Amino acid sequence: MTYDIMIVDDEKKMRKLLKKIISIKHNVIGEAKNGREAVKKYRKLNPDLIIMDVKMPKMNGFEALSKIKDISGSQKVIMCTSVDKHRDVAGAMKRGADAYLVKPYKKDQLLSTIEEVMK
C-alpha cells in the first residue's frame, strides 16, 4: 500500500535524502523545516504519516508532536534524531510517537518502520 507522508527536518539535505528514500514506495506530500511549520502544514495536508526530527528551531519535534496529537490523536508519527538518549525515546513515545529512529539509519530500516507503523 502507498501512503501520503510529510517530512519534517530543519536540514534541507536530510529532507532531500528522506524524500528520495520514501518516494521509492510512498508519496511525499509535504515538507516542513521546523515544528511550527509542521503543525501549520499538517492542518492543510492531513498526511497518513509524519516523519519528524526532534531537534529543530522555532518549535522542536516534541512540541510539534504534542500539538499535532492534540489536533488528531490518531495521527501516525515517526520521530527521528541523531542523538540516542533513552529519555528522548521515552519522551517521544510518551507524547504519542509510533516509532523512533536514530540517525543515521539505513534505507531498509526506514521503509520497514513505515510499514510497521502503518499496519
PDB file of N, CA and C in Angstrom:
ATOM      1  N   MET A   1       0.838  -1.179   0.000  1.00  0.00           N
ATOM      2  CA  MET A   1       0.000   0.000   0.000  1.00  0.00           C
ATOM      3  C   MET A   1       0.888   1.248   0.000  1.00  0.00           C
ATOM      4  N   THR A   2       0.419   2.291  -0.625  1.00  0.00           N
ATOM      5  CA  THR A   2       1.147   3.556  -0.710  1.00  0.00           C
ATOM      6  C   THR A   2       0.544   4.561   0.266  1.00  0.00           C
ATOM      7  N   TYR A   3       1.410   5.303   0.978  1.00  0.00           N
ATOM      8  CA  TYR A   3       0.951   6.270   1.966  1.00  0.00           C
ATOM      9  C   TYR A   3       1.406   7.679   1.602  1.00  0.00           C
ATOM     10  N   ASP A   4       0.632   8.674   2.065  1.00  0.00           N
ATOM     11  CA  ASP A   4       0.988  10.083   1.904  1.00  0.00           C
ATOM     12  C   ASP A   4       1.748  10.518   3.154  1.00  0.00           C
ATOM     13  N   ILE A   5       2.984  10.968   2.951  1.00  0.00           N
ATOM     14  CA  ILE A   5       3.885  11.241   4.065  1.00  0.00           C
ATOM     15  C   ILE A   5       4.378  12.686   4.035  1.00  0.00           C
ATOM     16  N   MET A   6       4.466  13.288   5.229  1.00  0.00           N
ATOM     17  CA  MET A   6       5.062  14.606   5.373  1.00  0.00           C
ATOM     18  C   MET A   6       6.388  14.454   6.118  1.00  0.00           C
ATOM     19  N   ILE A   7       7.419  15.127   5.606  1.00  0.00           N
ATOM     20  CA  ILE A   7       8.756  15.091   6.197  1.00  0.00           C
ATOM     21  C   ILE A   7       9.003  16.402   6.935  1.00  0.00           C
ATOM     22  N   VAL A   8       9.510  16.297   8.167  1.00  0.00           N
ATOM     23  CA  VAL A   8       9.813  17.490   8.958  1.00  0.00           C
ATOM     24  C   VAL A   8      11.250  17.380   9.472  1.00  0.00           C
ATOM     25  N   ASP A   9      12.114  18.234   8.961  1.00  0.00           N
ATOM     26  CA  ASP A   9      13.524  18.257   9.385  1.00  0.00           C
ATOM     27  C   ASP A   9      14.092  19.625   9.045  1.00  0.00           C
ATOM     28  N   ASP A  10      14.898  20.181   9.931  1.00  0.00           N
ATOM     29  CA  ASP A  10      15.452  21.510   9.674  1.00  0.00           C
ATOM     30  C   ASP A  10      16.606  21.482   8.676  1.00  0.00           C
ATOM     31  N   GLU A  11      17.157  20.314   8.407  1.00  0.00           N
ATOM     32  CA  GLU A  11      18.256  20.206   7.447  1.00  0.00           C
ATOM     33  C   GLU A  11      17.718  19.861   6.060  1.00  0.00           C
ATOM     34  N   LYS A  12      17.934  20.775   5.112  1.00  0.00           N
ATOM     35  CA  LYS A  12      17.455  20.583   3.743  1.00  0.00           C
ATOM     36  C   LYS A  12      18.016  19.298   3.132  1.00  0.00           C
ATOM     37  N   LYS A  13      19.290  19.021   3.406  1.00  0.00           N
ATOM     38  CA  LYS A  13      19.934  17.815   2.882  1.00  0.00           C
ATOM     39  C   LYS A  13      19.233  16.549   3.380  1.00  0.00           C
ATOM     40  N   MET A  14      18.827  16.559   4.654  1.00  0.00           N
ATOM     41  CA  MET A  14      18.142  15.404   5.224  1.00  0.00           C
ATOM     42  C   MET A  14      16.748  15.247   4.618  1.00  0.00           C
ATOM     43  N   ARG A  15      16.039  16.356   4.436  1.00  0.00           N
ATOM     44  CA  ARG A  15      14.702  16.284   3.808  1.00  0.00           C
ATOM     45  C   ARG A  15      14.814  15.702   2.408  1.00  0.00           C
ATOM     46  N   LYS A  16      15.836  16.128   1.671  1.00  0.00           N
ATOM     47  CA  LYS A  16      16.038  15.650   0.304  1.00  0.00           C
ATOM     48  C   LYS A  16      16.332  14.146   0.297  1.00  0.00           C
ATOM     49  N   LEU A  17      17.184  13.694   1.222  1.00  0.00           N
ATOM     50  CA  LEU A  17      17.506  12.265   1.317  1.00  0.00           C
ATOM     51  C   LEU A  17      16.274  11.451   1.701  1.00  0.00           C
ATOM     52  N   LEU A  18      15.542  11.922   2.702  1.00  0.00           N
ATOM     53  CA  LEU A  18      14.324  11.216   3.117  1.00  0.00           C
ATOM     54  C   LEU A  18      13.322  11.129   1.973  1.00  0.00           C
ATOM     55  N   LYS A  19      13.155  12.229   1.259  1.00  0.00           N
ATOM     56  CA  LYS A  19      12.218  12.247   0.127  1.00  0.00           C
ATOM     57  C   LYS A  19      12.617  11.222  -0.923  1.00  0.00           C
ATOM     58  N   LYS A  20      13.900  11.133  -1.211  1.00  0.00           N
ATOM     59  CA  LYS A  20      14.392  10.170  -2.202  1.00  0.00           C
ATOM     60  C   LYS A  20      14.085   8.728  -1.768  1.00  0.00           C
ATOM     61  N   ILE A  21      14.331   8.432  -0.499  1.00  0.00           N
ATOM     62  CA  ILE A  21      14.085   7.076   0.014  1.00  0.00           C
ATOM     63  C   ILE A  21      12.589   6.776   0.073  1.00  0.00           C
ATOM     64  N   ILE A  22      11.826   7.675   0.661  1.00  0.00           N
ATOM     65  CA  ILE A  22      10.386   7.444   0.843  1.00  0.00           C
ATOM     66  C   ILE A  22       9.675   7.326  -0.496  1.00  0.00           C
ATOM     67  N   SER A  23      10.112   8.095  -1.481  1.00  0.00           N
ATOM     68  CA  SER A  23       9.459   8.101  -2.797  1.00  0.00           C
ATOM     69  C   SER A  23       9.591   6.780  -3.544  1.00  0.00           C
ATOM     70  N   ILE A  24      10.440   5.893  -3.049  1.00  0.00           N
ATOM     71  CA  ILE A  24      10.554   4.557  -3.644  1.00  0.00           C
ATOM     72  C   ILE A  24       9.205   3.837  -3.563  1.00  0.00           C
ATOM     73  N   LYS A  25       8.505   4.011  -2.438  1.00  0.00           N
ATOM     74  CA  LYS A  25       7.249   3.289  -2.219  1.00  0.00           C
ATOM     75  C   LYS A  25       6.045   4.176  -1.900  1.00  0.00           C
ATOM     76  N   HIS A  26       6.297   5.420  -1.471  1.00  0.00           N
ATOM     77  CA  HIS A  26       5.206   6.256  -0.961  1.00  0.00           C
ATOM     78  C   HIS A  26       5.240   7.650  -1.577  1.00  0.00           C
ATOM     79  N   ASN A  27       4.220   8.446  -1.272  1.00  0.00           N
ATOM     80  CA  ASN A  27       4.123   9.827  -1.769  1.00  0.00           C
ATOM     81  C   ASN A  27       4.554  10.802  -0.682  1.00  0.00           C
ATOM     82  N   VAL A  28       5.487  11.669  -1.000  1.00  0.00           N
ATOM     83  CA  VAL A  28       5.834  12.753  -0.089  1.00  0.00           C
ATOM     84  C   VAL A  28       4.954  13.932  -0.482  1.00  0.00           C
ATOM     85  N   ILE A  29       3.997  14.263   0.385  1.00  0.00           N
ATOM     86  CA  ILE A  29       3.023  15.304   0.039  1.00  0.00           C
ATOM     87  C   ILE A  29       3.364  16.661   0.636  1.00  0.00           C
ATOM     88  N   GLY A  30       4.399  16.697   1.469  1.00  0.00           N
ATOM     89  CA  GLY A  30       4.782  17.974   2.058  1.00  0.00           C
ATOM     90  C   GLY A  30       6.047  17.873   2.871  1.00  0.00           C
ATOM     91  N   GLU A  31       6.681  19.034   3.069  1.00  0.00           N
ATOM     92  CA  GLU A  31       7.892  19.131   3.866  1.00  0.00           C
ATOM     93  C   GLU A  31       7.782  20.361   4.757  1.00  0.00           C
ATOM     94  N   ALA A  32       8.422  20.292   5.919  1.00  0.00           N
ATOM     95  CA  ALA A  32       8.492  21.435   6.822  1.00  0.00           C
ATOM     96  C   ALA A  32       9.887  21.483   7.424  1.00  0.00           C
ATOM     97  N   LYS A  33      10.362  22.723   7.701  1.00  0.00           N
ATOM     98  CA  LYS A  33      11.716  22.876   8.215  1.00  0.00           C
ATOM     99  C   LYS A  33      11.776  23.143   9.719  1.00  0.00           C
ATOM    100  N   ASN A  34      10.620  23.205  10.369  1.00  0.00           N
ATOM    101  CA  ASN A  34      10.584  23.330  11.829  1.00  0.00           C
ATOM    102  C   ASN A  34       9.212  22.887  12.330  1.00  0.00           C
ATOM    103  N   GLY A  35       9.106  22.768  13.645  1.00  0.00           N
ATOM    104  CA  GLY A  35       7.860  22.280  14.228  1.00  0.00           C
ATOM    105  C   GLY A  35       6.666  23.176  13.993  1.00  0.00           C
ATOM    106  N   ARG A  36       6.878  24.481  14.048  1.00  0.00           N
ATOM    107  CA  ARG A  36       5.774  25.429  13.834  1.00  0.00           C
ATOM    108  C   ARG A  36       5.186  25.260  12.433  1.00  0.00           C
ATOM    109  N   GLU A  37       6.084  25.174  11.456  1.00  0.00           N
ATOM    110  CA  GLU A  37       5.651  24.980  10.069  1.00  0.00           C
ATOM    111  C   GLU A  37       4.974  23.616   9.905  1.00  0.00           C
ATOM    112  N   ALA A  38       5.457  22.618  10.629  1.00  0.00           N
ATOM    113  CA  ALA A  38       4.879  21.268  10.553  1.00  0.00           C
ATOM    114  C   ALA A  38       3.420  21.264  11.005  1.00  0.00           C
ATOM    115  N   VAL A  39       3.138  21.930  12.111  1.00  0.00           N
ATOM    116  CA  VAL A  39       1.759  21.971  12.626  1.00  0.00           C
ATOM    117  C   VAL A  39       0.851  22.667  11.623  1.00  0.00           C
ATOM    118  N   LYS A  40       1.315  23.777  11.072  1.00  0.00           N
ATOM    119  CA  LYS A  40       0.535  24.532  10.087  1.00  0.00           C
ATOM    120  C   LYS A  40       0.257  23.682   8.843  1.00  0.00           C
ATOM    121  N   LYS A  41       1.305  23.030   8.318  1.00  0.00           N
ATOM    122  CA  LYS A  41       1.135  22.211   7.110  1.00  0.00           C
ATOM    123  C   LYS A  41       0.313  20.953   7.391  1.00  0.00           C
ATOM    124  N   TYR A  42       0.438  20.421   8.598  1.00  0.00           N
ATOM    125  CA  TYR A  42      -0.343  19.241   8.961  1.00  0.00           C
ATOM    126  C   TYR A  42      -1.843  19.519   8.807  1.00  0.00           C
ATOM    127  N   ARG A  43      -2.273  20.660   9.290  1.00  0.00           N
ATOM    128  CA  ARG A  43      -3.697  21.023   9.204  1.00  0.00           C
ATOM    129  C   ARG A  43      -4.186  21.059   7.758  1.00  0.00           C
ATOM    130  N   LYS A  44      -3.309  21.494   6.862  1.00  0.00           N
ATOM    131  CA  LYS A  44      -3.665  21.635   5.453  1.00  0.00           C
ATOM    132  C   LYS A  44      -3.568  20.302   4.698  1.00  0.00           C
ATOM    133  N   LEU A  45      -2.525  19.523   4.984  1.00  0.00           N
ATOM    134  CA  LEU A  45      -2.233  18.332   4.193  1.00  0.00           C
ATOM    135  C   LEU A  45      -2.850  17.041   4.715  1.00  0.00           C
ATOM    136  N   ASN A  46      -3.017  16.931   6.035  1.00  0.00           N
ATOM    137  CA  ASN A  46      -3.558  15.726   6.663  1.00  0.00           C
ATOM    138  C   ASN A  46      -2.896  14.447   6.129  1.00  0.00           C
ATOM    139  N   PRO A  47      -1.586  14.298   6.337  1.00  0.00           N
ATOM    140  CA  PRO A  47      -0.871  13.123   5.821  1.00  0.00           C
ATOM    141  C   PRO A  47      -1.231  11.843   6.572  1.00  0.00           C
ATOM    142  N   ASP A  48      -0.953  10.709   5.950  1.00  0.00           N
ATOM    143  CA  ASP A  48      -1.139   9.422   6.622  1.00  0.00           C
ATOM    144  C   ASP A  48      -0.085   9.253   7.716  1.00  0.00           C
ATOM    145  N   LEU A  49       1.111   9.795   7.467  1.00  0.00           N
ATOM    146  CA  LEU A  49       2.241   9.616   8.372  1.00  0.00           C
ATOM    147  C   LEU A  49       3.131  10.854   8.341  1.00  0.00           C
ATOM    148  N   ILE A  50       3.705  11.193   9.498  1.00  0.00           N
ATOM    149  CA  ILE A  50       4.688  12.276   9.596  1.00  0.00           C
ATOM    150  C   ILE A  50       5.994  11.669  10.074  1.00  0.00           C
ATOM    151  N   ILE A  51       7.086  12.012   9.395  1.00  0.00           N
ATOM    152  CA  ILE A  51       8.419  11.627   9.846  1.00  0.00           C
ATOM    153  C   ILE A  51       9.083  12.926  10.288  1.00  0.00           C
ATOM    154  N   MET A  52       9.397  13.024  11.608  1.00  0.00           N
ATOM    155  CA  MET A  52       9.794  14.307  12.177  1.00  0.00           C
ATOM    156  C   MET A  52      11.059  14.213  13.020  1.00  0.00           C
ATOM    157  N   ASP A  53      11.955  15.168  12.757  1.00  0.00           N
ATOM    158  CA  ASP A  53      13.176  15.322  13.539  1.00  0.00           C
ATOM    159  C   ASP A  53      12.816  15.866  14.919  1.00  0.00           C
ATOM    160  N   VAL A  54      13.680  15.608  15.898  1.00  0.00           N
ATOM    161  CA  VAL A  54      13.442  16.107  17.248  1.00  0.00           C
ATOM    162  C   VAL A  54      14.004  17.514  17.424  1.00  0.00           C
ATOM    163  N   LYS A  55      15.251  17.701  17.072  1.00  0.00           N
ATOM    164  CA  LYS A  55      15.928  18.984  17.322  1.00  0.00           C
ATOM    165  C   LYS A  55      15.773  19.907  16.120  1.00  0.00           C
ATOM    166  N   MET A  56      14.940  20.945  16.300  1.00  0.00           N
ATOM    167  CA  MET A  56      14.680  21.927  15.244  1.00  0.00           C
ATOM    168  C   MET A  56      14.475  23.293  15.876  1.00  0.00           C
ATOM    169  N   PRO A  57      14.713  24.362  15.108  1.00  0.00           N
ATOM    170  CA  PRO A  57      14.475  25.721  15.631  1.00  0.00           C
ATOM    171  C   PRO A  57      12.983  26.058  15.661  1.00  0.00           C
ATOM    172  N   LYS A  58      12.662  27.117  16.355  1.00  0.00           N
ATOM    173  CA  LYS A  58      11.311  27.690  16.482  1.00  0.00           C
ATOM    174  C   LYS A  58      10.368  26.824  17.302  1.00  0.00           C
ATOM    175  N   MET A  59      10.265  25.551  16.974  1.00  0.00           N
ATOM    176  CA  MET A  59       9.485  24.599  17.767  1.00  0.00           C
ATOM    177  C   MET A  59      10.095  23.227  17.519  1.00  0.00           C
ATOM    178  N   ASN A  60      10.524  22.558  18.601  1.00  0.00           N
ATOM    179  CA  ASN A  60      11.161  21.250  18.398  1.00  0.00           C
ATOM    180  C   ASN A  60      10.131  20.168  18.068  1.00  0.00           C
ATOM    181  N   GLY A  61      10.635  19.010  17.735  1.00  0.00           N
ATOM    182  CA  GLY A  61       9.770  17.916  17.324  1.00  0.00           C
ATOM    183  C   GLY A  61       8.823  17.436  18.403  1.00  0.00           C
ATOM    184  N   PHE A  62       9.267  17.448  19.661  1.00  0.00           N
ATOM    185  CA  PHE A  62       8.393  17.013  20.754  1.00  0.00           C
ATOM    186  C   PHE A  62       7.203  17.958  20.913  1.00  0.00           C
ATOM    187  N   GLU A  63       7.463  19.258  20.839  1.00  0.00           N
ATOM    188  CA  GLU A  63       6.377  20.240  20.947  1.00  0.00           C
ATOM    189  C   GLU A  63       5.402  20.096  19.777  1.00  0.00           C
ATOM    190  N   ALA A  64       5.946  19.947  18.572  1.00  0.00           N
ATOM    191  CA  ALA A  64       5.102  19.777  17.388  1.00  0.00           C
ATOM    192  C   ALA A  64       4.291  18.489  17.478  1.00  0.00           C
ATOM    193  N   LEU A  65       4.915  17.419  17.958  1.00  0.00           N
ATOM    194  CA  LEU A  65       4.215  16.148  18.129  1.00  0.00           C
ATOM    195  C   LEU A  65       3.026  16.323  19.070  1.00  0.00           C
ATOM    196  N   SER A  66       3.239  17.002  20.185  1.00  0.00           N
ATOM    197  CA  SER A  66       2.150  17.226  21.151  1.00  0.00           C
ATOM    198  C   SER A  66       1.009  18.024  20.531  1.00  0.00           C
ATOM    199  N   LYS A  67       1.336  19.076  19.788  1.00  0.00           N
ATOM    200  CA  LYS A  67       0.300  19.905  19.158  1.00  0.00           C
ATOM    201  C   LYS A  67      -0.469  19.124  18.089  1.00  0.00           C
ATOM    202  N   ILE A  68       0.250  18.330  17.310  1.00  0.00           N
ATOM    203  CA  ILE A  68      -0.404  17.525  16.269  1.00  0.00           C
ATOM    204  C   ILE A  68      -1.298  16.466  16.900  1.00  0.00           C
ATOM    205  N   LYS A  69      -0.830  15.842  17.969  1.00  0.00           N
ATOM    206  CA  LYS A  69      -1.643  14.833  18.656  1.00  0.00           C
ATOM    207  C   LYS A  69      -2.873  15.461  19.311  1.00  0.00           C
ATOM    208  N   ASP A  70      -2.764  16.736  19.719  1.00  0.00           N
ATOM    209  CA  ASP A  70      -3.939  17.442  20.245  1.00  0.00           C
ATOM    210  C   ASP A  70      -4.986  17.634  19.149  1.00  0.00           C
ATOM    211  N   ILE A  71      -4.540  17.839  17.922  1.00  0.00           N
ATOM    212  CA  ILE A  71      -5.450  18.014  16.783  1.00  0.00           C
ATOM    213  C   ILE A  71      -6.056  16.673  16.399  1.00  0.00           C
ATOM    214  N   SER A  72      -5.205  15.643  16.291  1.00  0.00           N
ATOM    215  CA  SER A  72      -5.667  14.306  15.929  1.00  0.00           C
ATOM    216  C   SER A  72      -4.849  13.269  16.677  1.00  0.00           C
ATOM    217  N   GLY A  73      -5.441  12.716  17.684  1.00  0.00           N
ATOM    218  CA  GLY A  73      -4.753  11.708  18.490  1.00  0.00           C
ATOM    219  C   GLY A  73      -4.378  10.460  17.723  1.00  0.00           C
ATOM    220  N   SER A  74      -4.994  10.245  16.571  1.00  0.00           N
ATOM    221  CA  SER A  74      -4.714   9.037  15.798  1.00  0.00           C
ATOM    222  C   SER A  74      -3.626   9.238  14.739  1.00  0.00           C
ATOM    223  N   GLN A  75      -3.073  10.455  14.619  1.00  0.00           N
ATOM    224  CA  GLN A  75      -2.037  10.719  13.614  1.00  0.00           C
ATOM    225  C   GLN A  75      -0.807   9.856  13.871  1.00  0.00           C
ATOM    226  N   LYS A  76      -0.321   9.187  12.848  1.00  0.00           N
ATOM    227  CA  LYS A  76       0.875   8.348  12.938  1.00  0.00           C
ATOM    228  C   LYS A  76       2.116   9.221  12.773  1.00  0.00           C
ATOM    229  N   VAL A  77       3.092   9.063  13.693  1.00  0.00           N
ATOM    230  CA  VAL A  77       4.309   9.870  13.672  1.00  0.00           C
ATOM    231  C   VAL A  77       5.518   9.008  14.005  1.00  0.00           C
ATOM    232  N   ILE A  78       6.564   9.136  13.172  1.00  0.00           N
ATOM    233  CA  ILE A  78       7.856   8.527  13.458  1.00  0.00           C
ATOM    234  C   ILE A  78       8.806   9.666  13.796  1.00  0.00           C
ATOM    235  N   MET A  79       9.404   9.620  14.986  1.00  0.00           N
ATOM    236  CA  MET A  79      10.363  10.638  15.414  1.00  0.00           C
ATOM    237  C   MET A  79      11.775  10.174  15.048  1.00  0.00           C
ATOM    238  N   CYS A  80      12.621  11.136  14.662  1.00  0.00           N
ATOM    239  CA  CYS A  80      13.998  10.839  14.279  1.00  0.00           C
ATOM    240  C   CYS A  80      14.944  11.810  14.972  1.00  0.00           C
ATOM    241  N   THR A  81      16.120  11.317  15.341  1.00  0.00           N
ATOM    242  CA  THR A  81      17.135  12.192  15.917  1.00  0.00           C
ATOM    243  C   THR A  81      18.512  11.586  15.736  1.00  0.00           C
ATOM    244  N   SER A  82      19.516  12.417  15.837  1.00  0.00           N
ATOM    245  CA  SER A  82      20.887  11.928  15.734  1.00  0.00           C
ATOM    246  C   SER A  82      21.423  11.571  17.108  1.00  0.00           C
ATOM    247  N   VAL A  83      20.657  11.812  18.138  1.00  0.00           N
ATOM    248  CA  VAL A  83      21.081  11.522  19.500  1.00  0.00           C
ATOM    249  C   VAL A  83      20.278  10.349  20.041  1.00  0.00           C
ATOM    250  N   ASP A  84      20.971   9.336  20.515  1.00  0.00           N
ATOM    251  CA  ASP A  84      20.299   8.157  21.066  1.00  0.00           C
ATOM    252  C   ASP A  84      20.292   8.247  22.586  1.00  0.00           C
ATOM    253  N   LYS A  85      19.308   8.942  23.119  1.00  0.00           N
ATOM    254  CA  LYS A  85      19.175   9.073  24.567  1.00  0.00           C
ATOM    255  C   LYS A  85      17.903   8.363  24.991  1.00  0.00           C
ATOM    256  N   HIS A  86      18.025   7.519  25.987  1.00  0.00           N
ATOM    257  CA  HIS A  86      16.872   6.763  26.469  1.00  0.00           C
ATOM    258  C   HIS A  86      15.724   7.695  26.850  1.00  0.00           C
ATOM    259  N   ARG A  87      16.053   8.841  27.472  1.00  0.00           N
ATOM    260  CA  ARG A  87      14.982   9.742  27.913  1.00  0.00           C
ATOM    261  C   ARG A  87      14.285  10.385  26.717  1.00  0.00           C
ATOM    262  N   ASP A  88      15.013  10.618  25.604  1.00  0.00           N
ATOM    263  CA  ASP A  88      14.375  11.160  24.403  1.00  0.00           C
ATOM    264  C   ASP A  88      13.409  10.151  23.799  1.00  0.00           C
ATOM    265  N   VAL A  89      13.836   8.886  23.753  1.00  0.00           N
ATOM    266  CA  VAL A  89      12.969   7.829  23.221  1.00  0.00           C
ATOM    267  C   VAL A  89      11.722   7.720  24.084  1.00  0.00           C
ATOM    268  N   ALA A  90      11.905   7.675  25.389  1.00  0.00           N
ATOM    269  CA  ALA A  90      10.770   7.573  26.314  1.00  0.00           C
ATOM    270  C   ALA A  90       9.851   8.788  26.172  1.00  0.00           C
ATOM    271  N   GLY A  91      10.439   9.973  26.038  1.00  0.00           N
ATOM    272  CA  GLY A  91       9.641  11.194  25.878  1.00  0.00           C
ATOM    273  C   GLY A  91       8.826  11.183  24.607  1.00  0.00           C
ATOM    274  N   ALA A  92       9.423  10.718  23.517  1.00  0.00           N
ATOM    275  CA  ALA A  92       8.716  10.648  22.235  1.00  0.00           C
ATOM    276  C   ALA A  92       7.543   9.676  22.319  1.00  0.00           C
ATOM    277  N   MET A  93       7.783   8.534  22.909  1.00  0.00           N
ATOM    278  CA  MET A  93       6.724   7.529  22.992  1.00  0.00           C
ATOM    279  C   MET A  93       5.610   7.992  23.946  1.00  0.00           C
ATOM    280  N   LYS A  94       5.986   8.663  25.024  1.00  0.00           N
ATOM    281  CA  LYS A  94       5.000   9.174  25.979  1.00  0.00           C
ATOM    282  C   LYS A  94       4.104  10.222  25.325  1.00  0.00           C
ATOM    283  N   ARG A  95       4.669  11.011  24.416  1.00  0.00           N
ATOM    284  CA  ARG A  95       3.899  12.053  23.735  1.00  0.00           C
ATOM    285  C   ARG A  95       3.068  11.504  22.569  1.00  0.00           C
ATOM    286  N   GLY A  96       3.214  10.226  22.279  1.00  0.00           N
ATOM    287  CA  GLY A  96       2.372   9.626  21.257  1.00  0.00           C
ATOM    288  C   GLY A  96       3.056   9.227  19.970  1.00  0.00           C
ATOM    289  N   ALA A  97       4.389   9.265  19.925  1.00  0.00           N
ATOM    290  CA  ALA A  97       5.088   8.803  18.718  1.00  0.00           C
ATOM    291  C   ALA A  97       4.830   7.315  18.539  1.00  0.00           C
ATOM    292  N   ASP A  98       4.750   6.899  17.290  1.00  0.00           N
ATOM    293  CA  ASP A  98       4.501   5.489  16.990  1.00  0.00           C
ATOM    294  C   ASP A  98       5.794   4.707  16.833  1.00  0.00           C
ATOM    295  N   ALA A  99       6.891   5.415  16.545  1.00  0.00           N
ATOM    296  CA  ALA A  99       8.200   4.783  16.416  1.00  0.00           C
ATOM    297  C   ALA A  99       9.268   5.858  16.550  1.00  0.00           C
ATOM    298  N   TYR A 100      10.514   5.415  16.724  1.00  0.00           N
ATOM    299  CA  TYR A 100      11.636   6.325  16.940  1.00  0.00           C
ATOM    300  C   TYR A 100      12.844   5.756  16.210  1.00  0.00           C
ATOM    301  N   LEU A 101      13.449   6.556  15.345  1.00  0.00           N
ATOM    302  CA  LEU A 101      14.648   6.135  14.610  1.00  0.00           C
ATOM    303  C   LEU A 101      15.821   7.019  14.993  1.00  0.00           C
ATOM    304  N   VAL A 102      16.996   6.409  15.121  1.00  0.00           N
ATOM    305  CA  VAL A 102      18.213   7.153  15.413  1.00  0.00           C
ATOM    306  C   VAL A 102      19.022   7.262  14.130  1.00  0.00           C
ATOM    307  N   LYS A 103      19.401   8.515  13.776  1.00  0.00           N
ATOM    308  CA  LYS A 103      20.212   8.760  12.581  1.00  0.00           C
ATOM    309  C   LYS A 103      21.659   8.361  12.867  1.00  0.00           C
ATOM    310  N   PRO A 104      22.395   7.874  11.920  1.00  0.00           N
ATOM    311  CA  PRO A 104      21.935   7.557  10.566  1.00  0.00           C
ATOM    312  C   PRO A 104      21.256   6.187  10.551  1.00  0.00           C
ATOM    313  N   TYR A 105      20.202   6.072   9.806  1.00  0.00           N
ATOM    314  CA  TYR A 105      19.520   4.788   9.662  1.00  0.00           C
ATOM    315  C   TYR A 105      19.605   4.369   8.204  1.00  0.00           C
ATOM    316  N   LYS A 106      19.422   3.089   7.985  1.00  0.00           N
ATOM    317  CA  LYS A 106      19.512   2.544   6.630  1.00  0.00           C
ATOM    318  C   LYS A 106      18.166   2.678   5.922  1.00  0.00           C
ATOM    319  N   LYS A 107      18.227   2.718   4.616  1.00  0.00           N
ATOM    320  CA  LYS A 107      17.030   2.837   3.775  1.00  0.00           C
ATOM    321  C   LYS A 107      16.002   1.768   4.140  1.00  0.00           C
ATOM    322  N   ASP A 108      16.451   0.514   4.234  1.00  0.00           N
ATOM    323  CA  ASP A 108      15.524  -0.582   4.536  1.00  0.00           C
ATOM    324  C   ASP A 108      14.902  -0.435   5.922  1.00  0.00           C
ATOM    325  N   GLN A 109      15.673   0.090   6.878  1.00  0.00           N
ATOM    326  CA  GLN A 109      15.156   0.307   8.227  1.00  0.00           C
ATOM    327  C   GLN A 109      14.036   1.340   8.207  1.00  0.00           C
ATOM    328  N   LEU A 110      14.236   2.424   7.474  1.00  0.00           N
ATOM    329  CA  LEU A 110      13.214   3.470   7.366  1.00  0.00           C
ATOM    330  C   LEU A 110      11.948   2.916   6.714  1.00  0.00           C
ATOM    331  N   LEU A 111      12.107   2.252   5.575  1.00  0.00           N
ATOM    332  CA  LEU A 111      10.934   1.734   4.859  1.00  0.00           C
ATOM    333  C   LEU A 111      10.192   0.669   5.661  1.00  0.00           C
ATOM    334  N   SER A 112      10.915  -0.188   6.372  1.00  0.00           N
ATOM    335  CA  SER A 112      10.237  -1.218   7.166  1.00  0.00           C
ATOM    336  C   SER A 112       9.544  -0.601   8.386  1.00  0.00           C
ATOM    337  N   THR A 113      10.124   0.455   8.958  1.00  0.00           N
ATOM    338  CA  THR A 113       9.480   1.140  10.080  1.00  0.00           C
ATOM    339  C   THR A 113       8.178   1.798   9.616  1.00  0.00           C
ATOM    340  N   ILE A 114       8.190   2.385   8.439  1.00  0.00           N
ATOM    341  CA  ILE A 114       6.961   2.974   7.874  1.00  0.00           C
ATOM    342  C   ILE A 114       5.883   1.898   7.762  1.00  0.00           C
ATOM    343  N   GLU A 115       6.242   0.750   7.214  1.00  0.00           N
ATOM    344  CA  GLU A 115       5.266  -0.334   7.042  1.00  0.00           C
ATOM    345  C   GLU A 115       4.730  -0.817   8.393  1.00  0.00           C
ATOM    346  N   GLU A 116       5.608  -0.975   9.374  1.00  0.00           N
ATOM    347  CA  GLU A 116       5.187  -1.438  10.704  1.00  0.00           C
ATOM    348  C   GLU A 116       4.204  -0.462  11.352  1.00  0.00           C
ATOM    349  N   VAL A 117       4.533   0.826  11.293  1.00  0.00           N
ATOM    350  CA  VAL A 117       3.693   1.849  11.918  1.00  0.00           C
ATOM    351  C   VAL A 117       2.324   1.925  11.233  1.00  0.00           C
ATOM    352  N   MET A 118       2.287   1.727   9.931  1.00  0.00           N
ATOM    353  CA  MET A 118       1.032   1.890   9.188  1.00  0.00           C
ATOM    354  C   MET A 118       0.160   0.638   9.164  1.00  0.00           C
ATOM    355  N   LYS A 119       0.615  -0.460   9.744  1.00  0.00           N
ATOM    356  CA  LYS A 119      -0.196  -1.698   9.781  1.00  0.00           C
ATOM    357  C   LYS A 119      -1.518  -1.479  10.479  1.00  0.00           C
TER     358      LYS A 119
END
